[in-house]
Amino acid sequence: MNTILIANPKGGSGKTTLATNIAGYLAAAGQPVRLLDMDRQQSASGWLALRPEILPPIKLFSDKPGNIGTQEGWLVIDSPAGLHGKSLERVLKLVNRVVVPIAPSLFDMNASEEFLELLQTEKAIRKGKIFVGVVGMRMAPRTRAAAILEQFMKDLDMPILAYLREAQLYVNAAFEGKTLFDLPPYLAERELEQWQYLLSWLDS
């Protein structure tokens, strides 16, 4: 199973938005997709309960011992805020890719910097067995926040996969159990353009 961890220790960084939309993209591409909701608030589970049956299926995944890694297709993990220590180590043993969403504030960027530096110490990441990328959430390129993020990521030699602007389209889609990839392309064209490099990174 291809497993993607969406992680950032800071709450409100956009993990669930990113996790659900990545799952939506994979489902729309015809891939078997499961979503593991590790967050206490269970936001991704609530969203999935709203998802119309007519849309490409995304199944809720149980994190019971022995389940992860036994299925084909993709597993997208929406992790809780504060993921660290032994819990982080256990999850990293299961994944192929880690996507770190970062919001454009001083506090979010400082917390994310510490988390990314911690990831760099993990053996599987150093050996290239796990790939890590960053997504600027509610962040536009050519802004001060983007420039700071780009310099930091250059120092870590990690890619910035996308800048996803703040758009009401994400909010409206989520209320209906949908993602950008379930909408008519003409409605989401601008936002979908921002996803292109991230999607190619996932597919590679």
N, C-alpha and C. Protein backbone atom coordinates (compact mmCIF):
# COMPACT_ATOMS: atom_id res chain seq x y z
N MET A 1 0.84 -1.20 0.00
CA MET A 1 0.00 0.00 0.00
C MET A 1 0.88 1.25 0.00
N ASN A 2 0.55 2.21 -0.86
CA ASN A 2 1.21 3.51 -0.85
C ASN A 2 0.57 4.35 0.25
N THR A 3 1.40 4.82 1.18
CA THR A 3 0.86 5.52 2.35
C THR A 3 1.41 6.94 2.42
N ILE A 4 0.51 7.90 2.56
CA ILE A 4 0.86 9.32 2.63
C ILE A 4 0.46 9.84 4.00
N LEU A 5 1.40 10.40 4.72
CA LEU A 5 1.13 11.02 6.02
C LEU A 5 1.04 12.53 5.84
N ILE A 6 -0.07 13.11 6.27
CA ILE A 6 -0.23 14.57 6.31
C ILE A 6 0.01 15.00 7.75
N ALA A 7 1.08 15.73 8.00
CA ALA A 7 1.48 15.96 9.39
C ALA A 7 2.04 17.35 9.60
N ASN A 8 1.69 17.90 10.74
CA ASN A 8 2.26 19.14 11.26
C ASN A 8 1.83 19.20 12.72
N PRO A 9 2.75 19.45 13.65
CA PRO A 9 2.36 19.46 15.07
C PRO A 9 1.44 20.62 15.44
N LYS A 10 1.34 21.62 14.58
CA LYS A 10 0.53 22.81 14.87
C LYS A 10 -0.90 22.58 14.41
N GLY A 11 -1.85 22.82 15.29
CA GLY A 11 -3.25 22.75 14.90
C GLY A 11 -3.61 23.88 13.96
N GLY A 12 -4.59 23.65 13.09
CA GLY A 12 -5.04 24.70 12.18
C GLY A 12 -4.15 24.95 11.00
N SER A 13 -3.25 24.01 10.70
CA SER A 13 -2.32 24.20 9.58
C SER A 13 -2.92 23.80 8.24
N GLY A 14 -4.07 23.13 8.26
CA GLY A 14 -4.70 22.72 7.01
C GLY A 14 -4.54 21.24 6.70
N LYS A 15 -4.24 20.44 7.71
CA LYS A 15 -4.00 19.01 7.48
C LYS A 15 -5.22 18.30 6.88
N THR A 16 -6.39 18.54 7.47
CA THR A 16 -7.58 17.82 7.00
C THR A 16 -7.98 18.26 5.60
N THR A 17 -7.90 19.54 5.32
CA THR A 17 -8.19 20.02 3.96
C THR A 17 -7.28 19.36 2.95
N LEU A 18 -6.00 19.28 3.28
CA LEU A 18 -5.04 18.66 2.38
C LEU A 18 -5.28 17.16 2.25
N ALA A 19 -5.52 16.49 3.37
CA ALA A 19 -5.72 15.04 3.36
C ALA A 19 -6.95 14.66 2.55
N THR A 20 -8.06 15.35 2.76
CA THR A 20 -9.29 15.00 2.06
C THR A 20 -9.16 15.27 0.56
N ASN A 21 -8.50 16.35 0.19
CA ASN A 21 -8.37 16.66 -1.23
C ASN A 21 -7.38 15.73 -1.93
N ILE A 22 -6.33 15.31 -1.25
CA ILE A 22 -5.44 14.31 -1.83
C ILE A 22 -6.18 13.00 -2.03
N ALA A 23 -6.97 12.60 -1.03
CA ALA A 23 -7.78 11.39 -1.17
C ALA A 23 -8.76 11.54 -2.32
N GLY A 24 -9.35 12.72 -2.47
CA GLY A 24 -10.29 12.97 -3.56
C GLY A 24 -9.63 12.87 -4.92
N TYR A 25 -8.41 13.37 -5.03
CA TYR A 25 -7.68 13.27 -6.30
C TYR A 25 -7.41 11.81 -6.67
N LEU A 26 -6.93 11.04 -5.70
CA LEU A 26 -6.62 9.63 -5.96
C LEU A 26 -7.87 8.84 -6.33
N ALA A 27 -8.97 9.13 -5.63
CA ALA A 27 -10.23 8.45 -5.93
C ALA A 27 -10.72 8.80 -7.33
N ALA A 28 -10.62 10.09 -7.69
CA ALA A 28 -11.06 10.53 -9.02
C ALA A 28 -10.21 9.90 -10.12
N ALA A 29 -8.96 9.54 -9.78
CA ALA A 29 -8.07 8.89 -10.74
C ALA A 29 -8.32 7.39 -10.83
N GLY A 30 -9.31 6.90 -10.09
CA GLY A 30 -9.67 5.49 -10.14
C GLY A 30 -8.87 4.59 -9.22
N GLN A 31 -8.15 5.20 -8.26
CA GLN A 31 -7.33 4.41 -7.34
C GLN A 31 -8.16 3.99 -6.11
N PRO A 32 -7.92 2.79 -5.57
CA PRO A 32 -8.52 2.46 -4.27
C PRO A 32 -7.91 3.34 -3.19
N VAL A 33 -8.74 4.02 -2.42
CA VAL A 33 -8.25 4.99 -1.43
C VAL A 33 -8.92 4.74 -0.09
N ARG A 34 -8.11 4.78 0.95
CA ARG A 34 -8.61 4.72 2.32
C ARG A 34 -8.08 5.93 3.07
N LEU A 35 -8.90 6.43 3.98
CA LEU A 35 -8.55 7.61 4.76
C LEU A 35 -8.52 7.23 6.23
N LEU A 36 -7.37 7.42 6.86
CA LEU A 36 -7.21 7.13 8.28
C LEU A 36 -7.25 8.44 9.05
N ASP A 37 -8.24 8.61 9.90
CA ASP A 37 -8.44 9.84 10.66
C ASP A 37 -7.91 9.64 12.08
N MET A 38 -6.72 10.16 12.35
CA MET A 38 -6.10 10.01 13.66
C MET A 38 -6.39 11.20 14.58
N ASP A 39 -7.03 12.22 14.05
CA ASP A 39 -7.27 13.44 14.83
C ASP A 39 -8.41 13.23 15.82
N ARG A 40 -8.27 13.77 17.02
CA ARG A 40 -9.31 13.64 18.04
C ARG A 40 -10.64 14.25 17.60
N GLN A 41 -10.58 15.30 16.83
CA GLN A 41 -11.81 15.96 16.40
C GLN A 41 -12.55 15.16 15.34
N GLN A 42 -11.88 14.21 14.70
CA GLN A 42 -12.50 13.34 13.69
C GLN A 42 -13.16 14.14 12.56
N SER A 43 -12.51 15.22 12.15
CA SER A 43 -13.07 16.06 11.10
C SER A 43 -13.13 15.34 9.76
N ALA A 44 -12.08 14.58 9.44
CA ALA A 44 -12.07 13.86 8.17
C ALA A 44 -13.16 12.79 8.14
N SER A 45 -13.39 12.13 9.26
CA SER A 45 -14.45 11.12 9.35
C SER A 45 -15.82 11.76 9.15
N GLY A 46 -16.02 12.92 9.76
CA GLY A 46 -17.29 13.63 9.60
C GLY A 46 -17.50 14.06 8.16
N TRP A 47 -16.43 14.52 7.51
CA TRP A 47 -16.51 14.89 6.09
C TRP A 47 -16.86 13.68 5.24
N LEU A 48 -16.23 12.55 5.53
CA LEU A 48 -16.47 11.35 4.74
C LEU A 48 -17.91 10.86 4.88
N ALA A 49 -18.49 11.07 6.05
CA ALA A 49 -19.89 10.67 6.26
C ALA A 49 -20.85 11.49 5.39
N LEU A 50 -20.43 12.68 4.98
CA LEU A 50 -21.25 13.53 4.13
C LEU A 50 -21.08 13.21 2.65
N ARG A 51 -20.07 12.43 2.31
CA ARG A 51 -19.71 12.23 0.90
C ARG A 51 -20.80 11.44 0.17
N PRO A 52 -21.34 11.99 -0.93
CA PRO A 52 -22.38 11.29 -1.69
C PRO A 52 -21.85 9.98 -2.29
N GLU A 53 -22.68 8.97 -2.29
CA GLU A 53 -22.27 7.66 -2.81
C GLU A 53 -21.98 7.69 -4.30
N ILE A 54 -22.52 8.66 -5.01
CA ILE A 54 -22.31 8.74 -6.45
C ILE A 54 -20.88 9.15 -6.81
N LEU A 55 -20.16 9.74 -5.86
CA LEU A 55 -18.80 10.20 -6.11
C LEU A 55 -17.82 9.04 -6.01
N PRO A 56 -16.61 9.18 -6.60
CA PRO A 56 -15.59 8.13 -6.47
C PRO A 56 -15.38 7.77 -5.00
N PRO A 57 -15.37 6.48 -4.67
CA PRO A 57 -15.39 6.08 -3.26
C PRO A 57 -14.07 6.31 -2.53
N ILE A 58 -14.20 6.75 -1.29
CA ILE A 58 -13.09 6.84 -0.34
C ILE A 58 -13.56 6.12 0.91
N LYS A 59 -12.81 5.13 1.35
CA LYS A 59 -13.23 4.34 2.50
C LYS A 59 -12.50 4.81 3.76
N LEU A 60 -13.20 4.74 4.88
CA LEU A 60 -12.58 5.04 6.17
C LEU A 60 -11.77 3.83 6.60
N PHE A 61 -10.56 4.08 7.06
CA PHE A 61 -9.64 2.99 7.41
C PHE A 61 -9.49 2.88 8.92
N SER A 62 -9.50 1.66 9.41
CA SER A 62 -9.29 1.41 10.83
C SER A 62 -7.80 1.32 11.11
N ASP A 63 -7.36 1.89 12.24
CA ASP A 63 -5.94 1.82 12.60
C ASP A 63 -5.66 0.70 13.58
N LYS A 64 -6.52 -0.32 13.56
CA LYS A 64 -6.25 -1.47 14.42
C LYS A 64 -4.96 -2.16 14.00
N PRO A 65 -4.21 -2.73 14.96
CA PRO A 65 -2.94 -3.38 14.64
C PRO A 65 -3.11 -4.43 13.55
N GLY A 66 -2.19 -4.39 12.57
CA GLY A 66 -2.19 -5.38 11.51
C GLY A 66 -2.95 -4.96 10.27
N ASN A 67 -3.74 -3.87 10.35
CA ASN A 67 -4.51 -3.44 9.19
C ASN A 67 -3.67 -2.67 8.19
N ILE A 68 -2.85 -1.75 8.68
CA ILE A 68 -2.08 -0.89 7.80
C ILE A 68 -1.03 -1.72 7.06
N GLY A 69 -0.96 -1.49 5.77
CA GLY A 69 0.03 -2.18 4.96
C GLY A 69 -0.44 -3.50 4.40
N THR A 70 -1.69 -3.88 4.69
CA THR A 70 -2.18 -5.17 4.22
C THR A 70 -3.10 -5.02 3.01
N GLN A 71 -3.35 -3.82 2.57
CA GLN A 71 -4.28 -3.58 1.47
C GLN A 71 -3.56 -2.97 0.28
N GLU A 72 -4.19 -3.08 -0.91
CA GLU A 72 -3.66 -2.44 -2.09
C GLU A 72 -4.19 -1.02 -2.20
N GLY A 73 -3.57 -0.25 -3.09
CA GLY A 73 -4.03 1.11 -3.31
C GLY A 73 -3.31 2.11 -2.43
N TRP A 74 -4.05 3.12 -1.97
CA TRP A 74 -3.47 4.25 -1.24
C TRP A 74 -4.13 4.40 0.12
N LEU A 75 -3.32 4.78 1.09
CA LEU A 75 -3.80 5.16 2.41
C LEU A 75 -3.33 6.59 2.68
N VAL A 76 -4.28 7.47 3.00
CA VAL A 76 -3.97 8.86 3.36
C VAL A 76 -4.25 9.02 4.84
N ILE A 77 -3.23 9.45 5.59
CA ILE A 77 -3.35 9.58 7.05
C ILE A 77 -3.46 11.05 7.43
N ASP A 78 -4.59 11.42 8.02
CA ASP A 78 -4.78 12.75 8.58
C ASP A 78 -4.36 12.67 10.04
N SER A 79 -3.19 13.19 10.35
CA SER A 79 -2.61 13.00 11.69
C SER A 79 -3.09 14.08 12.66
N PRO A 80 -2.97 13.81 13.96
CA PRO A 80 -3.39 14.79 14.96
C PRO A 80 -2.34 15.88 15.17
N ALA A 81 -2.77 17.00 15.71
CA ALA A 81 -1.81 18.02 16.14
C ALA A 81 -0.95 17.44 17.26
N GLY A 82 0.29 17.86 17.32
CA GLY A 82 1.17 17.39 18.39
C GLY A 82 1.78 16.03 18.15
N LEU A 83 1.69 15.51 16.94
CA LEU A 83 2.30 14.21 16.65
C LEU A 83 3.81 14.31 16.82
N HIS A 84 4.37 13.50 17.72
CA HIS A 84 5.81 13.55 17.97
C HIS A 84 6.23 12.28 18.71
N GLY A 85 7.50 12.18 19.00
CA GLY A 85 8.02 11.09 19.82
C GLY A 85 7.76 9.72 19.24
N LYS A 86 7.40 8.79 20.11
CA LYS A 86 7.17 7.40 19.71
C LYS A 86 6.02 7.28 18.72
N SER A 87 4.98 8.11 18.89
CA SER A 87 3.84 8.05 17.97
C SER A 87 4.27 8.40 16.55
N LEU A 88 5.10 9.44 16.43
CA LEU A 88 5.62 9.82 15.12
C LEU A 88 6.50 8.72 14.55
N GLU A 89 7.35 8.16 15.35
CA GLU A 89 8.24 7.08 14.89
C GLU A 89 7.45 5.89 14.37
N ARG A 90 6.38 5.52 15.08
CA ARG A 90 5.56 4.38 14.65
C ARG A 90 4.89 4.64 13.31
N VAL A 91 4.36 5.86 13.14
CA VAL A 91 3.66 6.18 11.90
C VAL A 91 4.65 6.23 10.73
N LEU A 92 5.83 6.78 10.96
CA LEU A 92 6.81 6.90 9.88
C LEU A 92 7.26 5.54 9.36
N LYS A 93 7.16 4.51 10.17
CA LYS A 93 7.52 3.17 9.71
C LYS A 93 6.54 2.63 8.68
N LEU A 94 5.39 3.28 8.55
CA LEU A 94 4.32 2.78 7.69
C LEU A 94 4.19 3.55 6.38
N VAL A 95 4.88 4.68 6.25
CA VAL A 95 4.58 5.59 5.14
C VAL A 95 5.68 5.62 4.08
N ASN A 96 5.28 6.09 2.89
CA ASN A 96 6.21 6.33 1.79
C ASN A 96 6.50 7.81 1.59
N ARG A 97 5.49 8.62 1.92
CA ARG A 97 5.59 10.07 1.70
C ARG A 97 5.01 10.82 2.89
N VAL A 98 5.61 11.97 3.18
CA VAL A 98 5.09 12.86 4.21
C VAL A 98 4.86 14.22 3.56
N VAL A 99 3.66 14.75 3.73
CA VAL A 99 3.36 16.10 3.24
C VAL A 99 3.08 16.97 4.45
N VAL A 100 3.79 18.09 4.54
CA VAL A 100 3.69 18.98 5.69
C VAL A 100 3.03 20.29 5.25
N PRO A 101 1.76 20.51 5.65
CA PRO A 101 1.13 21.79 5.34
C PRO A 101 1.58 22.87 6.32
N ILE A 102 1.85 24.05 5.79
CA ILE A 102 2.33 25.15 6.63
C ILE A 102 1.49 26.39 6.36
N ALA A 103 0.92 26.97 7.42
CA ALA A 103 0.12 28.19 7.31
C ALA A 103 1.04 29.42 7.39
N PRO A 104 0.62 30.55 6.81
CA PRO A 104 1.49 31.73 6.70
C PRO A 104 1.49 32.62 7.93
N SER A 105 1.92 32.09 9.07
CA SER A 105 2.07 32.93 10.25
C SER A 105 3.40 32.61 10.90
N LEU A 106 3.90 33.55 11.69
CA LEU A 106 5.18 33.36 12.37
C LEU A 106 5.15 32.12 13.24
N PHE A 107 4.06 31.92 13.98
CA PHE A 107 3.97 30.82 14.93
C PHE A 107 3.90 29.48 14.19
N ASP A 108 3.12 29.44 13.13
CA ASP A 108 3.03 28.20 12.35
C ASP A 108 4.37 27.85 11.70
N MET A 109 5.04 28.84 11.17
CA MET A 109 6.29 28.58 10.47
C MET A 109 7.38 28.16 11.44
N ASN A 110 7.40 28.74 12.64
CA ASN A 110 8.40 28.34 13.64
C ASN A 110 8.17 26.90 14.09
N ALA A 111 6.90 26.54 14.35
CA ALA A 111 6.58 25.17 14.76
C ALA A 111 6.90 24.19 13.65
N SER A 112 6.62 24.58 12.42
CA SER A 112 6.88 23.71 11.28
C SER A 112 8.37 23.53 11.05
N GLU A 113 9.14 24.60 11.29
CA GLU A 113 10.59 24.51 11.14
C GLU A 113 11.17 23.46 12.07
N GLU A 114 10.73 23.48 13.31
CA GLU A 114 11.22 22.49 14.29
C GLU A 114 10.82 21.07 13.87
N PHE A 115 9.60 20.93 13.36
CA PHE A 115 9.10 19.61 12.95
C PHE A 115 9.90 19.09 11.75
N LEU A 116 10.17 19.94 10.78
CA LEU A 116 10.93 19.52 9.60
C LEU A 116 12.36 19.15 9.96
N GLU A 117 12.93 19.90 10.89
CA GLU A 117 14.28 19.55 11.35
C GLU A 117 14.28 18.20 12.05
N LEU A 118 13.19 17.93 12.80
CA LEU A 118 13.06 16.63 13.46
C LEU A 118 12.95 15.52 12.42
N LEU A 119 12.16 15.74 11.37
CA LEU A 119 12.02 14.74 10.33
C LEU A 119 13.36 14.42 9.68
N GLN A 120 14.18 15.43 9.54
CA GLN A 120 15.50 15.24 8.91
C GLN A 120 16.38 14.27 9.70
N THR A 121 16.09 14.08 10.97
CA THR A 121 16.91 13.17 11.78
C THR A 121 16.46 11.72 11.65
N GLU A 122 15.30 11.49 11.02
CA GLU A 122 14.79 10.12 10.88
C GLU A 122 15.60 9.36 9.84
N LYS A 123 16.03 8.17 10.18
CA LYS A 123 16.91 7.37 9.31
C LYS A 123 16.30 7.10 7.94
N ALA A 124 15.00 6.73 7.91
CA ALA A 124 14.37 6.38 6.63
C ALA A 124 14.31 7.58 5.69
N ILE A 125 14.17 8.77 6.26
CA ILE A 125 14.14 9.98 5.44
C ILE A 125 15.54 10.32 4.95
N ARG A 126 16.54 10.18 5.82
CA ARG A 126 17.92 10.44 5.41
C ARG A 126 18.36 9.49 4.30
N LYS A 127 17.89 8.26 4.34
CA LYS A 127 18.29 7.26 3.34
C LYS A 127 17.42 7.30 2.08
N GLY A 128 16.47 8.24 2.01
CA GLY A 128 15.65 8.38 0.83
C GLY A 128 14.55 7.34 0.68
N LYS A 129 14.20 6.67 1.78
CA LYS A 129 13.11 5.69 1.73
C LYS A 129 11.74 6.35 1.92
N ILE A 130 11.75 7.51 2.54
CA ILE A 130 10.53 8.30 2.71
C ILE A 130 10.80 9.69 2.12
N PHE A 131 9.87 10.16 1.31
CA PHE A 131 10.02 11.46 0.68
C PHE A 131 9.16 12.48 1.40
N VAL A 132 9.72 13.66 1.64
CA VAL A 132 9.04 14.71 2.40
C VAL A 132 8.92 15.95 1.54
N GLY A 133 7.72 16.55 1.53
CA GLY A 133 7.50 17.81 0.83
C GLY A 133 6.60 18.71 1.64
N VAL A 134 6.59 19.99 1.29
CA VAL A 134 5.85 21.01 2.03
C VAL A 134 4.82 21.66 1.12
N VAL A 135 3.68 22.00 1.70
CA VAL A 135 2.65 22.76 0.98
C VAL A 135 2.34 24.03 1.76
N GLY A 136 2.47 25.17 1.11
CA GLY A 136 2.08 26.44 1.72
C GLY A 136 0.56 26.58 1.65
N MET A 137 -0.10 26.53 2.80
CA MET A 137 -1.55 26.60 2.86
C MET A 137 -2.01 28.05 3.07
N ARG A 138 -3.04 28.44 2.33
CA ARG A 138 -3.54 29.81 2.41
C ARG A 138 -2.39 30.79 2.20
N MET A 139 -1.51 30.44 1.28
CA MET A 139 -0.28 31.20 1.06
C MET A 139 -0.08 31.40 -0.43
N ALA A 140 0.22 32.60 -0.83
CA ALA A 140 0.47 32.89 -2.23
C ALA A 140 1.98 33.00 -2.48
N PRO A 141 2.44 32.61 -3.66
CA PRO A 141 3.86 32.83 -3.98
C PRO A 141 4.15 34.32 -4.07
N ARG A 142 5.42 34.64 -4.03
CA ARG A 142 5.86 36.04 -4.13
C ARG A 142 5.34 36.90 -2.98
N THR A 143 5.19 36.28 -1.81
CA THR A 143 4.88 37.02 -0.59
C THR A 143 6.04 36.85 0.39
N ARG A 144 6.02 37.61 1.45
CA ARG A 144 7.11 37.51 2.43
C ARG A 144 7.13 36.13 3.07
N ALA A 145 5.94 35.61 3.40
CA ALA A 145 5.88 34.27 4.00
C ALA A 145 6.44 33.23 3.05
N ALA A 146 6.13 33.33 1.77
CA ALA A 146 6.63 32.37 0.79
C ALA A 146 8.15 32.47 0.66
N ALA A 147 8.68 33.68 0.69
CA ALA A 147 10.13 33.87 0.57
C ALA A 147 10.86 33.25 1.76
N ILE A 148 10.31 33.44 2.96
CA ILE A 148 10.92 32.85 4.17
C ILE A 148 10.87 31.33 4.08
N LEU A 149 9.72 30.80 3.66
CA LEU A 149 9.57 29.36 3.53
C LEU A 149 10.54 28.79 2.49
N GLU A 150 10.68 29.47 1.37
CA GLU A 150 11.56 28.99 0.30
C GLU A 150 13.02 28.93 0.77
N GLN A 151 13.45 29.93 1.52
CA GLN A 151 14.82 29.94 2.00
C GLN A 151 15.06 28.79 2.98
N PHE A 152 14.11 28.56 3.86
CA PHE A 152 14.25 27.50 4.84
C PHE A 152 14.27 26.14 4.16
N MET A 153 13.39 25.92 3.19
CA MET A 153 13.33 24.64 2.51
C MET A 153 14.56 24.41 1.66
N LYS A 154 15.14 25.48 1.14
CA LYS A 154 16.39 25.36 0.39
C LYS A 154 17.50 24.85 1.30
N ASP A 155 17.54 25.35 2.53
CA ASP A 155 18.55 24.91 3.49
C ASP A 155 18.37 23.44 3.86
N LEU A 156 17.10 22.97 3.90
CA LEU A 156 16.82 21.58 4.25
C LEU A 156 16.87 20.64 3.04
N ASP A 157 16.93 21.23 1.85
CA ASP A 157 16.91 20.44 0.61
C ASP A 157 15.63 19.62 0.51
N MET A 158 14.49 20.23 0.84
CA MET A 158 13.18 19.62 0.70
C MET A 158 12.35 20.46 -0.26
N PRO A 159 11.48 19.82 -1.08
CA PRO A 159 10.72 20.59 -2.07
C PRO A 159 9.47 21.26 -1.49
N ILE A 160 9.14 22.41 -2.05
CA ILE A 160 7.83 23.01 -1.83
C ILE A 160 6.95 22.50 -2.96
N LEU A 161 5.91 21.77 -2.61
CA LEU A 161 5.10 21.06 -3.59
C LEU A 161 4.00 21.94 -4.17
N ALA A 162 3.54 22.92 -3.41
CA ALA A 162 2.45 23.78 -3.89
C ALA A 162 2.27 24.95 -2.95
N TYR A 163 1.73 26.03 -3.50
CA TYR A 163 1.14 27.10 -2.71
C TYR A 163 -0.35 27.07 -3.02
N LEU A 164 -1.17 26.81 -2.01
CA LEU A 164 -2.61 26.75 -2.21
C LEU A 164 -3.24 27.99 -1.60
N ARG A 165 -3.80 28.82 -2.44
CA ARG A 165 -4.36 30.08 -1.96
C ARG A 165 -5.61 29.84 -1.12
N GLU A 166 -5.93 30.81 -0.30
CA GLU A 166 -7.16 30.71 0.49
C GLU A 166 -8.35 30.92 -0.44
N ALA A 167 -9.24 29.94 -0.51
CA ALA A 167 -10.37 30.02 -1.43
C ALA A 167 -11.60 29.41 -0.79
N GLN A 168 -12.72 30.08 -0.94
CA GLN A 168 -13.97 29.59 -0.37
C GLN A 168 -14.41 28.28 -1.01
N LEU A 169 -13.86 27.97 -2.17
CA LEU A 169 -14.22 26.74 -2.88
C LEU A 169 -13.93 25.51 -2.03
N TYR A 170 -12.82 25.51 -1.28
CA TYR A 170 -12.49 24.38 -0.41
C TYR A 170 -13.55 24.21 0.67
N VAL A 171 -13.96 25.32 1.25
CA VAL A 171 -14.94 25.30 2.34
C VAL A 171 -16.29 24.80 1.83
N ASN A 172 -16.74 25.35 0.70
CA ASN A 172 -18.04 24.96 0.16
C ASN A 172 -18.07 23.50 -0.26
N ALA A 173 -16.97 23.03 -0.86
CA ALA A 173 -16.91 21.62 -1.27
C ALA A 173 -16.96 20.70 -0.05
N ALA A 174 -16.25 21.07 1.00
CA ALA A 174 -16.19 20.23 2.20
C ALA A 174 -17.56 20.07 2.84
N PHE A 175 -18.38 21.11 2.82
CA PHE A 175 -19.73 21.03 3.39
C PHE A 175 -20.57 19.95 2.70
N GLU A 176 -20.21 19.59 1.47
CA GLU A 176 -20.96 18.61 0.70
C GLU A 176 -20.24 17.27 0.61
N GLY A 177 -19.16 17.09 1.39
CA GLY A 177 -18.40 15.86 1.32
C GLY A 177 -17.61 15.73 0.03
N LYS A 178 -17.28 16.86 -0.57
CA LYS A 178 -16.59 16.86 -1.87
C LYS A 178 -15.19 17.45 -1.74
N THR A 179 -14.43 17.32 -2.83
CA THR A 179 -13.11 17.93 -2.95
C THR A 179 -13.07 18.73 -4.24
N LEU A 180 -11.97 19.42 -4.47
CA LEU A 180 -11.81 20.13 -5.73
C LEU A 180 -11.97 19.20 -6.92
N PHE A 181 -11.57 17.95 -6.74
CA PHE A 181 -11.52 16.99 -7.84
C PHE A 181 -12.88 16.36 -8.13
N ASP A 182 -13.88 16.73 -7.34
CA ASP A 182 -15.25 16.29 -7.59
C ASP A 182 -16.08 17.38 -8.27
N LEU A 183 -15.50 18.56 -8.41
CA LEU A 183 -16.23 19.70 -8.97
C LEU A 183 -16.03 19.79 -10.48
N PRO A 184 -16.95 20.44 -11.18
CA PRO A 184 -16.72 20.69 -12.61
C PRO A 184 -15.42 21.46 -12.80
N PRO A 185 -14.57 21.04 -13.75
CA PRO A 185 -13.26 21.67 -13.90
C PRO A 185 -13.32 23.19 -14.07
N TYR A 186 -14.36 23.69 -14.72
CA TYR A 186 -14.41 25.14 -14.94
C TYR A 186 -14.57 25.91 -13.64
N LEU A 187 -15.15 25.27 -12.61
CA LEU A 187 -15.32 25.94 -11.32
C LEU A 187 -14.01 26.00 -10.53
N ALA A 188 -13.18 24.97 -10.70
CA ALA A 188 -11.97 24.83 -9.86
C ALA A 188 -10.68 25.03 -10.66
N GLU A 189 -10.79 25.56 -11.86
CA GLU A 189 -9.63 25.63 -12.75
C GLU A 189 -8.44 26.34 -12.11
N ARG A 190 -8.68 27.47 -11.51
CA ARG A 190 -7.58 28.25 -10.93
C ARG A 190 -6.90 27.49 -9.79
N GLU A 191 -7.72 26.89 -8.92
CA GLU A 191 -7.16 26.15 -7.79
C GLU A 191 -6.43 24.89 -8.27
N LEU A 192 -7.00 24.20 -9.25
CA LEU A 192 -6.38 22.96 -9.74
C LEU A 192 -5.00 23.20 -10.34
N GLU A 193 -4.80 24.36 -10.94
CA GLU A 193 -3.48 24.70 -11.49
C GLU A 193 -2.42 24.69 -10.39
N GLN A 194 -2.81 25.12 -9.18
CA GLN A 194 -1.85 25.19 -8.08
C GLN A 194 -1.45 23.80 -7.57
N TRP A 195 -2.21 22.79 -7.93
CA TRP A 195 -1.97 21.43 -7.45
C TRP A 195 -1.04 20.62 -8.37
N GLN A 196 -0.70 21.12 -9.53
CA GLN A 196 -0.09 20.28 -10.55
C GLN A 196 1.24 19.66 -10.12
N TYR A 197 2.12 20.44 -9.53
CA TYR A 197 3.41 19.87 -9.13
C TYR A 197 3.24 18.87 -7.99
N LEU A 198 2.37 19.19 -7.04
CA LEU A 198 2.08 18.28 -5.93
C LEU A 198 1.57 16.94 -6.47
N LEU A 199 0.67 16.97 -7.43
CA LEU A 199 0.10 15.73 -7.98
C LEU A 199 1.15 14.92 -8.73
N SER A 200 2.01 15.61 -9.45
CA SER A 200 3.06 14.87 -10.16
C SER A 200 4.04 14.23 -9.18
N TRP A 201 4.27 14.90 -8.05
CA TRP A 201 5.15 14.36 -7.00
C TRP A 201 4.53 13.10 -6.38
N LEU A 202 3.21 13.14 -6.17
CA LEU A 202 2.53 11.97 -5.62
C LEU A 202 2.57 10.81 -6.61
N ASP A 203 2.43 11.10 -7.89
CA ASP A 203 2.37 10.06 -8.91
C ASP A 203 3.73 9.48 -9.26
N SER A 204 4.78 10.19 -8.91
CA SER A 204 6.12 9.75 -9.34
C SER A 204 6.59 8.56 -8.51
